[in-house]
N, C-alpha and C. Protein backbone atom coordinates (compact mmCIF):
# COMPACT_ATOMS: atom_id res chain seq x y z
N UNK A 1 3.38 3.39 -12.75
CA UNK A 1 2.51 3.79 -11.68
C UNK A 1 3.47 3.35 -10.31
N UNK A 2 3.77 2.43 -10.20
CA UNK A 2 4.16 1.76 -8.50
C UNK A 2 5.83 2.67 -8.20
N UNK A 3 6.49 3.21 -9.53
CA UNK A 3 7.43 3.55 -9.38
C UNK A 3 7.20 5.26 -8.26
N UNK A 4 6.09 5.77 -8.90
CA UNK A 4 5.56 6.76 -8.72
C UNK A 4 5.52 6.68 -7.07
N UNK A 5 4.47 5.60 -6.98
CA UNK A 5 3.93 5.25 -5.65
C UNK A 5 5.39 4.95 -4.27
N UNK A 6 6.22 4.04 -4.80
CA UNK A 6 7.54 4.33 -3.92
C UNK A 6 8.14 5.66 -3.92
N UNK A 7 7.91 6.29 -5.05
CA UNK A 7 8.91 7.92 -4.74
C UNK A 7 7.88 8.77 -3.73
N UNK A 8 6.60 8.40 -3.82
CA UNK A 8 5.99 9.35 -2.84
C UNK A 8 5.95 8.69 -1.50
N UNK A 9 6.17 7.17 -1.57
CA UNK A 9 5.95 6.94 0.26
C UNK A 9 7.39 6.90 0.67
N UNK A 10 8.34 7.31 -0.01
CA UNK A 10 9.81 6.77 0.36
C UNK A 10 9.61 8.49 1.18
N UNK A 11 10.14 8.56 2.26
CA UNK A 11 10.52 9.92 3.32
C UNK A 11 11.94 10.32 2.72
N UNK A 12 11.73 11.66 2.76
CA UNK A 12 12.89 12.45 1.70
C UNK A 12 14.04 12.51 2.70
N UNK A 13 13.76 12.48 3.73
CA UNK A 13 14.85 11.77 4.73
C UNK A 13 15.92 10.88 4.33
N UNK A 14 14.86 9.79 3.65
CA UNK A 14 16.10 8.32 2.78
C UNK A 14 17.00 9.11 1.78
N UNK A 15 15.78 9.55 1.02
CA UNK A 15 16.57 10.14 -0.49
C UNK A 15 17.91 10.96 0.09
N UNK A 16 17.68 11.54 1.07
CA UNK A 16 19.05 12.66 1.33
C UNK A 16 20.07 12.07 1.39
N UNK A 17 19.78 10.81 2.56
CA UNK A 17 20.77 10.09 2.50
C UNK A 17 21.44 9.54 1.53
N UNK A 18 20.69 9.10 0.79
CA UNK A 18 21.12 8.35 -0.15
C UNK A 18 21.88 9.11 -1.02
N UNK A 19 21.77 10.51 -1.36
CA UNK A 19 21.47 11.54 -2.01
C UNK A 19 23.12 11.55 -1.09
N UNK A 20 23.55 11.64 -0.42
CA UNK A 20 24.91 12.18 0.76
C UNK A 20 25.81 10.94 0.04
N UNK A 21 25.59 9.83 0.36
CA UNK A 21 26.10 8.76 -0.34
C UNK A 21 26.78 8.84 -1.66
N UNK A 22 25.92 9.19 -2.45
CA UNK A 22 26.10 9.13 -3.91
C UNK A 22 27.17 10.48 -4.14
N UNK A 23 26.34 11.18 -3.63
CA UNK A 23 26.70 12.39 -4.19
C UNK A 23 28.10 13.33 -3.42
N UNK A 24 28.06 13.02 -1.90
CA UNK A 24 28.73 14.04 -0.93
C UNK A 24 27.98 15.01 -0.78
N UNK A 25 29.41 15.91 -0.38
CA UNK A 25 28.72 17.41 -0.14
C UNK A 25 28.73 18.50 -1.17
N UNK A 26 28.12 17.95 -1.78
CA UNK A 26 27.99 18.60 -3.30
C UNK A 26 26.72 19.53 -3.31
N UNK A 27 26.37 20.17 -4.78
CA UNK A 27 25.45 20.58 -4.75
C UNK A 27 24.43 19.48 -5.52
N UNK A 28 25.04 18.50 -5.81
CA UNK A 28 23.60 17.40 -6.68
C UNK A 28 23.25 16.96 -5.39
N UNK A 29 23.58 16.95 -4.39
CA UNK A 29 22.39 16.45 -3.18
C UNK A 29 21.00 17.02 -2.80
N UNK A 30 21.00 18.20 -3.04
CA UNK A 30 19.83 19.34 -2.65
C UNK A 30 19.02 18.71 -3.89
N UNK A 31 20.16 18.81 -5.40
CA UNK A 31 19.33 19.14 -6.27
C UNK A 31 18.58 17.81 -6.14
N UNK A 32 19.04 16.54 -6.72
CA UNK A 32 18.72 14.95 -6.38
C UNK A 32 17.17 14.60 -5.44
N UNK A 33 17.85 15.16 -4.24
CA UNK A 33 16.39 15.23 -3.06
C UNK A 33 15.69 16.18 -3.56
N UNK A 34 15.61 16.91 -3.82
CA UNK A 34 14.42 17.81 -4.36
C UNK A 34 13.69 17.41 -4.95
N UNK A 35 14.39 16.89 -6.55
CA UNK A 35 13.65 16.66 -7.85
C UNK A 35 12.99 15.08 -7.47
N UNK A 36 13.85 13.96 -7.09
CA UNK A 36 12.91 13.05 -6.34
C UNK A 36 11.88 13.09 -4.89
N UNK A 37 11.39 14.05 -4.47
CA UNK A 37 10.57 14.53 -3.34
C UNK A 37 9.28 15.40 -4.50
N UNK A 38 9.81 15.99 -5.40
CA UNK A 38 8.43 17.24 -6.02
C UNK A 38 8.24 16.10 -7.25
N UNK A 39 9.10 15.95 -7.97
CA UNK A 39 8.60 15.45 -9.33
C UNK A 39 7.58 14.53 -9.42
N UNK A 40 7.27 13.61 -8.48
CA UNK A 40 6.04 12.42 -8.40
C UNK A 40 4.76 13.16 -8.36
N UNK A 41 4.95 14.40 -7.47
CA UNK A 41 3.58 15.25 -7.25
C UNK A 41 3.24 15.90 -8.48
N UNK A 42 3.96 16.34 -9.28
CA UNK A 42 3.82 17.03 -10.52
C UNK A 42 3.48 16.12 -11.41
N UNK A 43 3.81 14.44 -10.91
CA UNK A 43 3.74 13.64 -12.49
C UNK A 43 2.37 13.14 -12.11
N UNK A 44 2.04 12.73 -10.66
CA UNK A 44 0.81 12.41 -10.64
C UNK A 44 -0.49 13.72 -10.93
N UNK A 45 -0.24 14.68 -10.79
CA UNK A 45 -1.40 15.65 -11.02
C UNK A 45 -1.64 15.54 -12.44
N UNK A 46 -0.58 15.44 -13.20
CA UNK A 46 -0.33 15.87 -14.99
C UNK A 46 -1.12 14.31 -14.93
N UNK A 47 -0.70 13.18 -14.80
CA UNK A 47 -1.83 12.31 -15.32
C UNK A 47 -2.89 12.32 -14.45
N UNK A 48 -3.49 13.06 -13.51
CA UNK A 48 -4.50 12.67 -13.14
C UNK A 48 -5.62 14.02 -13.82
N UNK A 49 -4.85 15.21 -14.77
CA UNK A 49 -5.00 16.36 -15.37
C UNK A 49 -5.80 15.13 -16.95
N UNK A 50 -4.66 14.17 -17.11
CA UNK A 50 -5.23 13.97 -18.54
C UNK A 50 -5.84 13.28 -18.53
N UNK A 51 -5.97 12.00 -17.38
CA UNK A 51 -7.13 10.86 -17.38
C UNK A 51 -8.55 11.93 -16.94
N UNK A 52 -8.44 12.62 -16.55
CA UNK A 52 -10.03 13.20 -16.05
C UNK A 52 -10.65 14.46 -17.20
N UNK A 53 -9.77 14.05 -18.63
CA UNK A 53 -10.35 15.24 -19.17
C UNK A 53 -11.71 14.48 -20.34
N UNK A 54 -13.03 15.27 -20.04
CA UNK A 54 -13.99 14.77 -20.46
C UNK A 54 -14.11 13.98 -21.71
N UNK A 55 -14.79 12.86 -22.25
CA UNK A 55 -14.47 11.93 -23.21
C UNK A 55 -15.27 12.83 -24.39
N UNK A 56 -16.62 13.42 -24.38
CA UNK A 56 -17.34 14.30 -24.85
C UNK A 56 -16.30 15.24 -25.61
N UNK A 57 -15.75 16.26 -24.73
CA UNK A 57 -14.85 17.27 -25.17
C UNK A 57 -13.84 16.37 -26.37
N UNK A 58 -12.94 15.20 -25.82
CA UNK A 58 -12.43 14.63 -26.86
C UNK A 58 -12.78 14.05 -28.28
N UNK A 59 -14.02 13.31 -27.98
CA UNK A 59 -15.15 13.00 -29.56
C UNK A 59 -15.10 14.55 -30.21
N UNK A 60 -15.43 15.72 -29.56
CA UNK A 60 -16.26 16.60 -30.07
C UNK A 60 -14.78 16.90 -31.37
N UNK A 61 -13.70 17.24 -30.53
CA UNK A 61 -12.51 17.96 -30.86
C UNK A 61 -12.24 16.71 -32.35
N UNK A 62 -11.84 15.60 -31.70
CA UNK A 62 -11.83 14.35 -32.72
C UNK A 62 -13.17 14.27 -34.18
N UNK A 63 -13.83 15.11 -33.94
CA UNK A 63 -15.04 15.41 -34.74
C UNK A 63 -15.38 16.30 -35.73
N UNK A 64 -14.38 17.29 -34.90
CA UNK A 64 -13.63 18.61 -35.84
C UNK A 64 -12.55 18.30 -36.56
N UNK A 65 -12.19 17.21 -36.11
CA UNK A 65 -10.73 17.02 -37.21
C UNK A 65 -9.53 18.30 -36.69
N UNK A 66 -9.21 18.27 -35.65
CA UNK A 66 -8.01 19.35 -34.92
C UNK A 66 -6.73 18.72 -34.93
N UNK A 67 -6.87 19.98 -35.76
CA UNK A 67 -4.81 18.89 -35.66
C UNK A 67 -4.27 18.79 -34.19
N UNK A 68 -3.53 17.59 -34.27
CA UNK A 68 -2.68 17.45 -33.16
C UNK A 68 -2.33 18.91 -32.02
N UNK A 69 -1.59 19.10 -32.72
CA UNK A 69 -1.17 20.97 -31.92
C UNK A 69 -2.17 21.29 -31.48
N UNK A 70 -3.57 21.60 -32.03
CA UNK A 70 -4.72 22.41 -31.91
C UNK A 70 -5.12 21.69 -30.75
N UNK A 71 -5.24 19.87 -30.93
CA UNK A 71 -6.26 19.58 -29.36
C UNK A 71 -5.30 18.93 -28.59
N UNK A 72 -3.82 19.46 -28.57
CA UNK A 72 -2.98 19.45 -27.24
C UNK A 72 -2.91 20.95 -26.71
N UNK A 73 -3.37 22.21 -27.49
CA UNK A 73 -2.93 23.37 -26.74
C UNK A 73 -3.98 23.75 -26.58
N UNK A 74 -5.28 23.58 -26.88
CA UNK A 74 -6.60 24.01 -26.93
C UNK A 74 -7.34 23.33 -26.26
N UNK A 75 -7.51 22.25 -26.19
CA UNK A 75 -8.35 20.84 -25.54
C UNK A 75 -7.63 20.71 -24.02
N UNK A 76 -6.20 19.55 -24.30
CA UNK A 76 -5.87 18.94 -23.32
C UNK A 76 -4.90 20.56 -21.96
N UNK A 77 -4.02 20.59 -22.89
CA UNK A 77 -3.13 21.59 -21.85
C UNK A 77 -4.31 22.10 -20.75
N UNK A 78 -5.33 23.06 -21.58
CA UNK A 78 -5.57 24.21 -20.76
C UNK A 78 -6.76 23.21 -19.05
N UNK A 79 -6.98 21.81 -19.55
CA UNK A 79 -7.40 20.89 -18.57
C UNK A 79 -6.64 20.65 -17.72
N UNK A 80 -5.31 19.90 -18.54
CA UNK A 80 -4.26 19.53 -17.68
C UNK A 80 -3.31 20.54 -16.67
N UNK A 81 -3.61 21.58 -17.23
CA UNK A 81 -2.71 23.01 -16.42
C UNK A 81 -3.76 23.11 -15.00
N UNK A 82 -5.04 22.73 -15.13
CA UNK A 82 -5.48 23.44 -13.60
C UNK A 82 -5.76 21.91 -12.73
N UNK A 83 -4.96 20.57 -13.08
CA UNK A 83 -4.33 19.79 -11.95
C UNK A 83 -3.03 20.19 -11.63
N UNK A 84 -2.30 20.45 -12.86
CA UNK A 84 -0.80 21.40 -12.68
C UNK A 84 -0.45 22.27 -11.61
N UNK A 85 -1.12 23.20 -11.19
CA UNK A 85 -1.07 23.97 -10.35
C UNK A 85 -0.87 23.76 -9.02
N UNK A 86 -2.11 23.32 -8.89
CA UNK A 86 -2.22 22.75 -7.50
C UNK A 86 -0.74 21.70 -7.31
N UNK A 87 -0.76 20.89 -8.20
CA UNK A 87 0.69 20.26 -7.78
C UNK A 87 2.04 21.10 -7.86
N UNK A 88 1.96 21.97 -8.42
CA UNK A 88 3.24 22.89 -8.44
C UNK A 88 3.55 23.42 -7.47
N UNK A 89 2.28 24.05 -6.71
CA UNK A 89 2.25 24.47 -5.12
C UNK A 89 2.84 23.75 -4.31
N UNK A 90 1.91 22.32 -4.42
CA UNK A 90 2.48 21.06 -3.40
C UNK A 90 3.89 21.04 -3.64
N UNK A 91 4.38 20.91 -5.05
CA UNK A 91 5.56 20.56 -4.83
C UNK A 91 6.48 21.87 -4.18
N UNK A 92 6.24 23.12 -4.39
CA UNK A 92 6.99 24.11 -4.39
C UNK A 92 7.49 24.18 -2.56
N UNK A 93 6.34 23.93 -2.12
CA UNK A 93 6.08 23.51 -0.68
C UNK A 93 6.99 22.49 -0.13
N UNK A 94 7.41 21.55 -0.73
CA UNK A 94 7.95 20.42 -0.63
C UNK A 94 9.44 20.59 -0.99
N UNK A 95 9.41 21.11 -1.93
CA UNK A 95 10.79 21.75 -2.54
C UNK A 95 11.44 22.69 -1.72
N UNK A 96 11.10 23.27 -1.04
CA UNK A 96 11.41 24.19 0.07
C UNK A 96 12.27 23.68 1.14
N UNK A 97 11.10 22.28 1.79
CA UNK A 97 11.42 21.88 3.10
C UNK A 97 12.59 20.81 3.17
N UNK A 98 12.24 20.36 1.59
CA UNK A 98 13.48 19.48 1.49
C UNK A 98 15.12 20.33 1.06
N UNK A 99 15.28 21.14 0.69
CA UNK A 99 16.43 21.64 0.19
C UNK A 99 16.77 22.45 1.34
N UNK A 100 16.02 23.02 2.16
CA UNK A 100 16.50 23.63 3.41
C UNK A 100 16.92 22.20 4.47
N UNK A 101 16.13 21.44 4.17
CA UNK A 101 17.01 20.00 5.12
C UNK A 101 18.41 19.18 4.36
N UNK A 102 18.19 19.50 2.98
CA UNK A 102 19.71 18.88 2.68
C UNK A 102 20.60 19.91 3.12
N UNK A 103 20.74 21.38 2.53
CA UNK A 103 21.47 22.00 2.96
C UNK A 103 21.80 21.99 4.34
N UNK A 104 21.20 21.77 5.54
CA UNK A 104 21.34 21.58 6.67
C UNK A 104 22.29 20.35 6.72
N UNK A 105 21.83 19.43 6.23
CA UNK A 105 22.86 18.02 6.29
C UNK A 105 24.04 18.15 5.59
N UNK A 106 23.86 18.57 4.62
CA UNK A 106 25.07 18.45 3.47
C UNK A 106 25.41 19.42 2.37
N UNK A 107 25.39 20.54 3.21
CA UNK A 107 25.96 21.72 2.52
C UNK A 107 26.78 22.73 3.48
N UNK A 108 27.86 23.29 2.68
CA UNK A 108 28.32 24.45 3.48
C UNK A 108 27.84 25.90 3.71
N UNK A 109 26.69 25.81 2.27
CA UNK A 109 26.23 27.01 1.88
C UNK A 109 24.81 27.06 1.73
N UNK A 110 23.99 28.03 2.48
CA UNK A 110 22.65 28.10 1.76
C UNK A 110 21.77 28.33 3.12
N UNK A 111 20.43 28.42 2.85
CA UNK A 111 19.82 28.98 4.17
C UNK A 111 19.96 27.39 5.20
N UNK A 112 19.58 26.47 5.14
CA UNK A 112 20.02 24.99 5.72
C UNK A 112 21.31 24.93 6.80
N UNK A 113 22.29 25.65 5.83
CA UNK A 113 23.64 25.83 6.86
C UNK A 113 23.43 27.02 7.45
N UNK A 114 23.18 28.27 6.82
CA UNK A 114 22.94 29.08 7.88
C UNK A 114 21.52 28.53 9.19
N UNK A 115 21.13 27.69 9.04
CA UNK A 115 20.17 27.12 10.57
C UNK A 115 21.34 26.04 10.88
N UNK A 116 22.01 25.61 10.54
CA UNK A 116 22.84 24.34 11.28
C UNK A 116 23.87 25.83 12.07
N UNK A 117 24.02 26.51 11.68
CA UNK A 117 24.99 27.23 12.49
C UNK A 117 24.06 27.92 13.44
N UNK A 118 23.14 28.54 13.27
CA UNK A 118 22.39 29.52 14.52
C UNK A 118 22.28 28.20 15.50
N UNK A 119 21.81 27.02 14.88
CA UNK A 119 21.45 25.67 15.82
C UNK A 119 22.70 25.08 16.66
N UNK A 120 23.83 25.34 16.44
CA UNK A 120 24.44 24.88 16.69
C UNK A 120 25.01 26.14 17.98
N UNK A 121 25.02 27.16 17.71
CA UNK A 121 24.84 28.73 18.66
C UNK A 121 23.85 28.86 19.49
N UNK A 122 22.50 27.76 19.38
CA UNK A 122 21.30 28.37 20.20
C UNK A 122 21.14 29.37 20.25
N UNK A 123 20.92 29.68 18.56
CA UNK A 123 20.80 31.28 18.70
C UNK A 123 18.85 31.25 18.00
N UNK A 124 18.17 31.12 18.66
CA UNK A 124 16.89 31.26 18.25
C UNK A 124 15.96 32.29 17.67
N UNK A 125 16.91 33.34 17.69
CA UNK A 125 16.33 34.63 17.21
C UNK A 125 16.83 34.37 15.49
N UNK A 126 18.08 34.37 15.23
CA UNK A 126 18.30 33.93 14.00
C UNK A 126 17.47 32.83 13.40
N UNK A 127 17.46 31.51 14.35
CA UNK A 127 16.34 30.33 13.51
C UNK A 127 15.30 30.88 13.02
N UNK A 128 14.74 31.97 13.87
CA UNK A 128 13.58 31.83 13.24
C UNK A 128 13.58 33.19 12.79
N UNK A 129 14.42 33.88 12.59
CA UNK A 129 14.53 34.48 11.13
C UNK A 129 14.81 34.31 10.30
N UNK A 130 15.76 32.93 9.97
CA UNK A 130 15.46 32.15 8.57
C UNK A 130 13.89 31.67 8.24
N UNK A 131 13.89 30.83 9.44
CA UNK A 131 12.53 30.73 9.15
C UNK A 131 11.29 31.58 8.46
N UNK A 132 11.15 32.61 9.19
CA UNK A 132 9.98 33.83 8.72
C UNK A 132 10.91 34.01 7.03
N UNK A 133 12.16 33.96 6.47
CA UNK A 133 12.74 34.27 5.55
C UNK A 133 12.11 33.66 4.26
N UNK A 134 12.75 31.99 4.68
CA UNK A 134 12.16 31.01 4.15
C UNK A 134 10.38 31.18 3.63
N UNK A 135 9.77 30.77 4.71
CA UNK A 135 8.50 31.03 4.53
C UNK A 135 7.91 32.35 3.87
N UNK A 136 8.55 33.58 4.06
CA UNK A 136 7.80 34.55 3.53
C UNK A 136 8.53 34.59 1.95
N UNK A 137 9.73 34.05 1.13
CA UNK A 137 9.86 33.88 -0.13
C UNK A 137 8.93 33.30 -0.72
N UNK A 138 8.60 31.90 0.14
CA UNK A 138 7.40 31.02 -0.98
C UNK A 138 6.56 31.22 -0.64
N UNK A 139 5.71 32.17 0.02
CA UNK A 139 4.81 33.04 -0.06
C UNK A 139 4.41 33.71 -1.08
N UNK A 140 6.09 35.04 -0.94
CA UNK A 140 6.18 35.60 -2.31
C UNK A 140 6.08 34.81 -3.76
N UNK A 141 6.22 33.84 -3.69
CA UNK A 141 6.65 33.07 -5.35
C UNK A 141 5.53 32.46 -5.45
N UNK A 142 4.33 32.19 -4.37
CA UNK A 142 3.42 31.36 -4.78
C UNK A 142 2.04 32.57 -4.87
N UNK A 143 2.00 33.68 -4.29
CA UNK A 143 0.88 35.05 -4.27
C UNK A 143 1.18 35.77 -5.12
N UNK A 144 2.69 35.84 -5.99
CA UNK A 144 2.61 36.87 -6.34
C UNK A 144 3.45 36.10 -7.61
N UNK A 145 4.04 34.95 -7.65
CA UNK A 145 4.19 34.80 -9.47
C UNK A 145 3.26 33.69 -9.66
N UNK A 146 2.68 32.80 -8.92
CA UNK A 146 2.35 31.73 -9.83
C UNK A 146 0.81 31.90 -9.78
N UNK A 147 0.41 32.53 -8.90
CA UNK A 147 -1.32 32.71 -8.25
C UNK A 147 -1.84 33.98 -9.61
N UNK A 148 -0.83 34.31 -10.06
CA UNK A 148 -1.25 35.49 -11.26
C UNK A 148 -0.90 34.25 -12.26
N UNK A 149 -0.36 33.64 -12.71
CA UNK A 149 -0.18 33.00 -13.91
C UNK A 149 -1.61 31.94 -14.15
N UNK A 150 -2.06 31.54 -12.50
CA UNK A 150 -2.79 30.41 -12.44
C UNK A 150 -4.14 30.78 -13.00
N UNK A 151 -4.62 32.14 -12.38
CA UNK A 151 -5.80 33.09 -13.04
C UNK A 151 -5.80 33.32 -14.05
N UNK A 152 -4.79 33.77 -14.55
CA UNK A 152 -4.74 34.09 -16.68
C UNK A 152 -4.45 32.90 -17.10
N UNK A 153 -4.14 31.67 -16.58
CA UNK A 153 -4.68 30.56 -17.74
C UNK A 153 -5.75 30.02 -17.72
N UNK A 154 -6.48 30.20 -15.99
CA UNK A 154 -7.40 29.45 -15.99
C UNK A 154 -8.69 30.82 -16.57
N UNK A 155 -8.72 31.52 -17.22
CA UNK A 155 -9.14 32.31 -17.13
C UNK A 155 -10.54 32.04 -17.59
N UNK A 156 -10.53 30.97 -18.87
CA UNK A 156 -11.59 30.57 -19.53
C UNK A 156 -12.38 29.75 -18.91
N UNK A 157 -12.12 29.39 -17.47
CA UNK A 157 -13.20 28.94 -16.56
C UNK A 157 -14.38 29.79 -16.31
N UNK A 158 -14.25 31.17 -16.16
CA UNK A 158 -14.86 32.30 -15.62
C UNK A 158 -15.73 32.36 -16.81
N UNK A 159 -17.53 32.36 -15.99
CA UNK A 159 -18.63 32.55 -16.80
C UNK A 159 -18.67 33.74 -17.61
N UNK A 160 -19.14 33.91 -18.82
CA UNK A 160 -18.84 35.25 -19.38
C UNK A 160 -17.73 35.61 -20.16
N UNK A 161 -17.00 34.77 -20.03
CA UNK A 161 -15.42 34.96 -20.59
C UNK A 161 -15.06 33.71 -21.95
N UNK A 162 -15.37 34.59 -23.11
CA UNK A 162 -14.83 33.42 -23.97
C UNK A 162 -13.37 33.15 -23.99
N UNK A 163 -13.37 32.02 -24.93
CA UNK A 163 -12.30 31.38 -25.15
C UNK A 163 -10.83 32.33 -25.74
N UNK A 164 -10.94 33.68 -25.84
CA UNK A 164 -9.87 33.92 -26.48
C UNK A 164 -10.13 35.22 -25.61
N UNK A 165 -10.37 34.97 -24.33
CA UNK A 165 -10.18 35.98 -23.47
C UNK A 165 -11.28 37.46 -23.61
N UNK A 166 -12.18 37.43 -24.50
CA UNK A 166 -13.37 38.40 -24.32
C UNK A 166 -14.55 38.49 -23.33
N UNK A 167 -14.79 39.36 -23.15
CA UNK A 167 -15.56 39.28 -22.21
C UNK A 167 -17.36 39.43 -22.75
N UNK A 168 -18.45 38.60 -22.71
CA UNK A 168 -19.85 38.91 -22.95
C UNK A 168 -20.37 39.47 -22.21
């Protein structure tokens, strides 16, 4: 857990500088920086989900002698996923910011590089266009991809819906 705290507490720009020293101006720099910035958020979400599973539910699953696979898929996973979705959304936001920053400082390609060119040319319109494009893509991924998956996965939480998805 202290490692996760250190990873979360270290500013992404510090990881970016280290990645630039280690990987140079390669694709490894943004990949490493995004991983180090986003992984702890997802890890903490999964850990919190696993820790908060109702003990009575675990006891009942043991009493019914559920096989380990069924215990994982039908008991742990639905609960943990409800903690993972907010973590994934937060990690997605962090990732977008970090990858653009990493590209801006270390890559000749990508949105960050295009922002660097727009900045050097004092082109406010191009800068705003890139920002709108990045935010629009982020919103599309969250609401058109992640949100429908989340609704489907968490359908069991709705009142009157059986575990198999049938309505009562």
